[in-house]
């Protein structure tokens, strides 16, 4: 399967080493994971600006993303569906690649449940429905 991870799931995977981390490990082993250059930049900004993670640790996460994920810069216009413009960036990469799943913890995205055939689910729903 082709899967997109939202920023919040990536951050959770690195910070808590809980369910999100387990889902990330499973997907890295068995599926193709796609994220956008925008998501990489957002992860980095949240680590350094919001969570106050040291720069070398933030760079380590960026290196991990670049080595373990397919990083795409989608072309064309972003959809304008969600109130939060950032969510539209996540939908843009998911639709651009035509992924099977978008894994997120974002309520606005989860409320959509599906976007042009792309299932939108939480890490827990992923485990319950696919493993």
C-alpha atoms as a PDB file:
ATOM      1  CA  UNK A   1       0.000   0.000   0.000  1.00  0.00           C
ATOM      2  CA  UNK A   2       0.934   3.614  -0.481  1.00  0.00           C
ATOM      3  CA  UNK A   3       0.528   5.652   2.697  1.00  0.00           C
ATOM      4  CA  UNK A   4       0.915   9.298   3.750  1.00  0.00           C
ATOM      5  CA  UNK A   5       1.693  10.167   7.364  1.00  0.00           C
ATOM      6  CA  UNK A   6       0.535  13.509   8.708  1.00  0.00           C
ATOM      7  CA  UNK A   7       2.973  15.649  10.682  1.00  0.00           C
ATOM      8  CA  UNK A   8       1.304  14.934  14.015  1.00  0.00           C
ATOM      9  CA  UNK A   9       1.758  11.166  13.648  1.00  0.00           C
ATOM     10  CA  UNK A  10       5.411  11.558  12.677  1.00  0.00           C
ATOM     11  CA  UNK A  11       6.042  13.802  15.675  1.00  0.00           C
ATOM     12  CA  UNK A  12       4.207  11.411  17.981  1.00  0.00           C
ATOM     13  CA  UNK A  13       6.249   8.492  16.653  1.00  0.00           C
ATOM     14  CA  UNK A  14       9.507  10.235  17.478  1.00  0.00           C
ATOM     15  CA  UNK A  15       8.495  11.751  20.789  1.00  0.00           C
ATOM     16  CA  UNK A  16       6.462   9.042  22.509  1.00  0.00           C
ATOM     17  CA  UNK A  17       7.608   5.747  20.985  1.00  0.00           C
ATOM     18  CA  UNK A  18       4.036   4.437  21.429  1.00  0.00           C
ATOM     19  CA  UNK A  19       1.359   3.397  18.970  1.00  0.00           C
ATOM     20  CA  UNK A  20       2.375   5.913  16.299  1.00  0.00           C
ATOM     21  CA  UNK A  21       5.920   4.613  16.434  1.00  0.00           C
ATOM     22  CA  UNK A  22       4.685   1.042  16.041  1.00  0.00           C
ATOM     23  CA  UNK A  23       2.528   2.007  13.058  1.00  0.00           C
ATOM     24  CA  UNK A  24       5.445   3.849  11.480  1.00  0.00           C
ATOM     25  CA  UNK A  25       7.707   0.802  11.916  1.00  0.00           C
ATOM     26  CA  UNK A  26       5.106  -1.527  10.361  1.00  0.00           C
ATOM     27  CA  UNK A  27       4.558   0.779   7.421  1.00  0.00           C
ATOM     28  CA  UNK A  28       8.262   1.273   6.802  1.00  0.00           C
ATOM     29  CA  UNK A  29       8.718  -2.495   6.676  1.00  0.00           C
ATOM     30  CA  UNK A  30       5.696  -3.397   4.573  1.00  0.00           C
ATOM     31  CA  UNK A  31       4.457  -0.365   2.637  1.00  0.00           C
ATOM     32  CA  UNK A  32       5.523   2.684   0.677  1.00  0.00           C
ATOM     33  CA  UNK A  33       5.416   5.856   2.762  1.00  0.00           C
ATOM     34  CA  UNK A  34       5.098   9.236   1.086  1.00  0.00           C
ATOM     35  CA  UNK A  35       5.388  12.682   2.575  1.00  0.00           C
ATOM     36  CA  UNK A  36       5.848  16.070   0.994  1.00  0.00           C
ATOM     37  CA  UNK A  37       8.634  18.574   1.299  1.00  0.00           C
ATOM     38  CA  UNK A  38       6.042  20.701   3.119  1.00  0.00           C
ATOM     39  CA  UNK A  39       5.541  17.968   5.774  1.00  0.00           C
ATOM     40  CA  UNK A  40       9.311  17.632   6.267  1.00  0.00           C
ATOM     41  CA  UNK A  41       9.573  21.383   6.770  1.00  0.00           C
ATOM     42  CA  UNK A  42       6.613  21.400   9.189  1.00  0.00           C
ATOM     43  CA  UNK A  43       8.082  18.543  11.242  1.00  0.00           C
ATOM     44  CA  UNK A  44      11.376  20.406  11.489  1.00  0.00           C
ATOM     45  CA  UNK A  45       9.713  23.695  12.455  1.00  0.00           C
ATOM     46  CA  UNK A  46       7.552  22.086  15.138  1.00  0.00           C
ATOM     47  CA  UNK A  47      10.524  20.233  16.597  1.00  0.00           C
ATOM     48  CA  UNK A  48      12.700  23.299  16.888  1.00  0.00           C
ATOM     49  CA  UNK A  49      10.202  26.143  17.434  1.00  0.00           C
ATOM     50  CA  UNK A  50       7.311  24.590  19.323  1.00  0.00           C
ATOM     51  CA  UNK A  51       8.896  21.638  21.104  1.00  0.00           C
ATOM     52  CA  UNK A  52      12.323  23.267  21.584  1.00  0.00           C
ATOM     53  CA  UNK A  53      14.228  20.182  20.439  1.00  0.00           C
ATOM     54  CA  UNK A  54      17.914  20.880  19.898  1.00  0.00           C
ATOM     55  CA  UNK A  55      18.984  21.522  16.331  1.00  0.00           C
ATOM     56  CA  UNK A  56      21.162  18.403  16.034  1.00  0.00           C
ATOM     57  CA  UNK A  57      18.224  16.201  17.096  1.00  0.00           C
ATOM     58  CA  UNK A  58      15.943  17.948  14.598  1.00  0.00           C
ATOM     59  CA  UNK A  59      18.532  17.351  11.873  1.00  0.00           C
ATOM     60  CA  UNK A  60      18.681  13.667  12.857  1.00  0.00           C
ATOM     61  CA  UNK A  61      14.904  13.415  12.364  1.00  0.00           C
ATOM     62  CA  UNK A  62      15.147  15.181   8.999  1.00  0.00           C
ATOM     63  CA  UNK A  63      17.879  12.778   7.875  1.00  0.00           C
ATOM     64  CA  UNK A  64      15.713   9.851   8.946  1.00  0.00           C
ATOM     65  CA  UNK A  65      12.758  11.203   6.948  1.00  0.00           C
ATOM     66  CA  UNK A  66      14.927  11.694   3.868  1.00  0.00           C
ATOM     67  CA  UNK A  67      16.324   8.177   4.072  1.00  0.00           C
ATOM     68  CA  UNK A  68      13.155   6.270   5.012  1.00  0.00           C
ATOM     69  CA  UNK A  69      10.344   8.057   3.192  1.00  0.00           C
ATOM     70  CA  UNK A  70       9.509   8.948  -0.386  1.00  0.00           C
ATOM     71  CA  UNK A  71       9.591  12.750  -0.309  1.00  0.00           C
ATOM     72  CA  UNK A  72       7.580  14.402  -3.053  1.00  0.00           C
ATOM     73  CA  UNK A  73       6.949  17.995  -4.026  1.00  0.00           C
ATOM     74  CA  UNK A  74       3.444  17.835  -5.477  1.00  0.00           C
ATOM     75  CA  UNK A  75       2.567  20.123  -8.345  1.00  0.00           C
ATOM     76  CA  UNK A  76      -0.752  21.710  -9.152  1.00  0.00           C
ATOM     77  CA  UNK A  77      -3.151  23.464  -6.864  1.00  0.00           C
ATOM     78  CA  UNK A  78      -3.853  22.472  -3.311  1.00  0.00           C
ATOM     79  CA  UNK A  79      -7.428  21.570  -2.461  1.00  0.00           C
ATOM     80  CA  UNK A  80      -9.361  24.085  -0.397  1.00  0.00           C
ATOM     81  CA  UNK A  81     -11.486  21.818   1.761  1.00  0.00           C
ATOM     82  CA  UNK A  82     -10.301  22.118   5.359  1.00  0.00           C
ATOM     83  CA  UNK A  83     -10.462  25.167   7.636  1.00  0.00           C
ATOM     84  CA  UNK A  84      -6.812  24.696   8.475  1.00  0.00           C
ATOM     85  CA  UNK A  85      -4.758  25.402   5.388  1.00  0.00           C
ATOM     86  CA  UNK A  86      -2.064  23.024   6.655  1.00  0.00           C
ATOM     87  CA  UNK A  87      -4.524  20.122   6.345  1.00  0.00           C
ATOM     88  CA  UNK A  88      -5.003  20.986   2.682  1.00  0.00           C
ATOM     89  CA  UNK A  89      -1.270  20.478   2.154  1.00  0.00           C
ATOM     90  CA  UNK A  90      -1.568  16.946   3.539  1.00  0.00           C
ATOM     91  CA  UNK A  91      -4.556  16.189   1.282  1.00  0.00           C
ATOM     92  CA  UNK A  92      -2.586  17.577  -1.663  1.00  0.00           C
ATOM     93  CA  UNK A  93       0.248  15.060  -1.330  1.00  0.00           C
ATOM     94  CA  UNK A  94      -2.185  12.204  -0.664  1.00  0.00           C
ATOM     95  CA  UNK A  95      -4.188  12.974  -3.795  1.00  0.00           C
ATOM     96  CA  UNK A  96      -1.123  13.739  -5.910  1.00  0.00           C
ATOM     97  CA  UNK A  97       0.365  10.296  -5.204  1.00  0.00           C
ATOM     98  CA  UNK A  98      -3.056   8.570  -5.129  1.00  0.00           C
ATOM     99  CA  UNK A  99      -2.189   6.839  -1.868  1.00  0.00           C
ATOM    100  CA  UNK A 100      -4.397   4.206  -0.273  1.00  0.00           C
ATOM    101  CA  UNK A 101      -4.299   5.609   3.260  1.00  0.00           C
ATOM    102  CA  UNK A 102      -3.660   8.844   5.071  1.00  0.00           C
ATOM    103  CA  UNK A 103      -2.747   8.283   8.728  1.00  0.00           C
ATOM    104  CA  UNK A 104      -3.393  11.255  10.991  1.00  0.00           C
ATOM    105  CA  UNK A 105      -4.500  12.356  14.411  1.00  0.00           C
ATOM    106  CA  UNK A 106      -5.997  15.591  13.095  1.00  0.00           C
ATOM    107  CA  UNK A 107      -9.719  15.787  13.867  1.00  0.00           C
ATOM    108  CA  UNK A 108     -10.605  17.891  10.809  1.00  0.00           C
ATOM    109  CA  UNK A 109      -8.970  15.387   8.471  1.00  0.00           C
ATOM    110  CA  UNK A 110     -10.447  12.431  10.355  1.00  0.00           C
ATOM    111  CA  UNK A 111     -13.936  13.939  10.031  1.00  0.00           C
ATOM    112  CA  UNK A 112     -13.585  13.610   6.242  1.00  0.00           C
ATOM    113  CA  UNK A 113     -13.122   9.809   6.628  1.00  0.00           C
ATOM    114  CA  UNK A 114     -12.209   9.600   2.933  1.00  0.00           C
ATOM    115  CA  UNK A 115     -10.906  11.904   0.227  1.00  0.00           C
ATOM    116  CA  UNK A 116     -11.228  10.821  -3.402  1.00  0.00           C
ATOM    117  CA  UNK A 117     -11.009   7.166  -2.391  1.00  0.00           C
ATOM    118  CA  UNK A 118      -8.174   7.731   0.100  1.00  0.00           C
ATOM    119  CA  UNK A 119      -9.093   6.367   3.518  1.00  0.00           C
ATOM    120  CA  UNK A 120      -8.255   8.715   6.378  1.00  0.00           C
ATOM    121  CA  UNK A 121      -7.656   7.015   9.709  1.00  0.00           C
ATOM    122  CA  UNK A 122      -5.891   7.210  13.051  1.00  0.00           C
ATOM    123  CA  UNK A 123      -2.899   5.036  13.943  1.00  0.00           C
ATOM    124  CA  UNK A 124      -5.218   2.942  16.145  1.00  0.00           C
ATOM    125  CA  UNK A 125      -7.691   2.432  13.297  1.00  0.00           C
ATOM    126  CA  UNK A 126      -4.791   1.369  11.093  1.00  0.00           C
ATOM    127  CA  UNK A 127      -3.775  -1.329  13.597  1.00  0.00           C
ATOM    128  CA  UNK A 128      -7.374  -2.457  14.126  1.00  0.00           C
ATOM    129  CA  UNK A 129      -8.210  -2.672  10.421  1.00  0.00           C
ATOM    130  CA  UNK A 130      -4.948  -3.723   8.805  1.00  0.00           C
ATOM    131  CA  UNK A 131      -2.986  -5.681  11.464  1.00  0.00           C
END
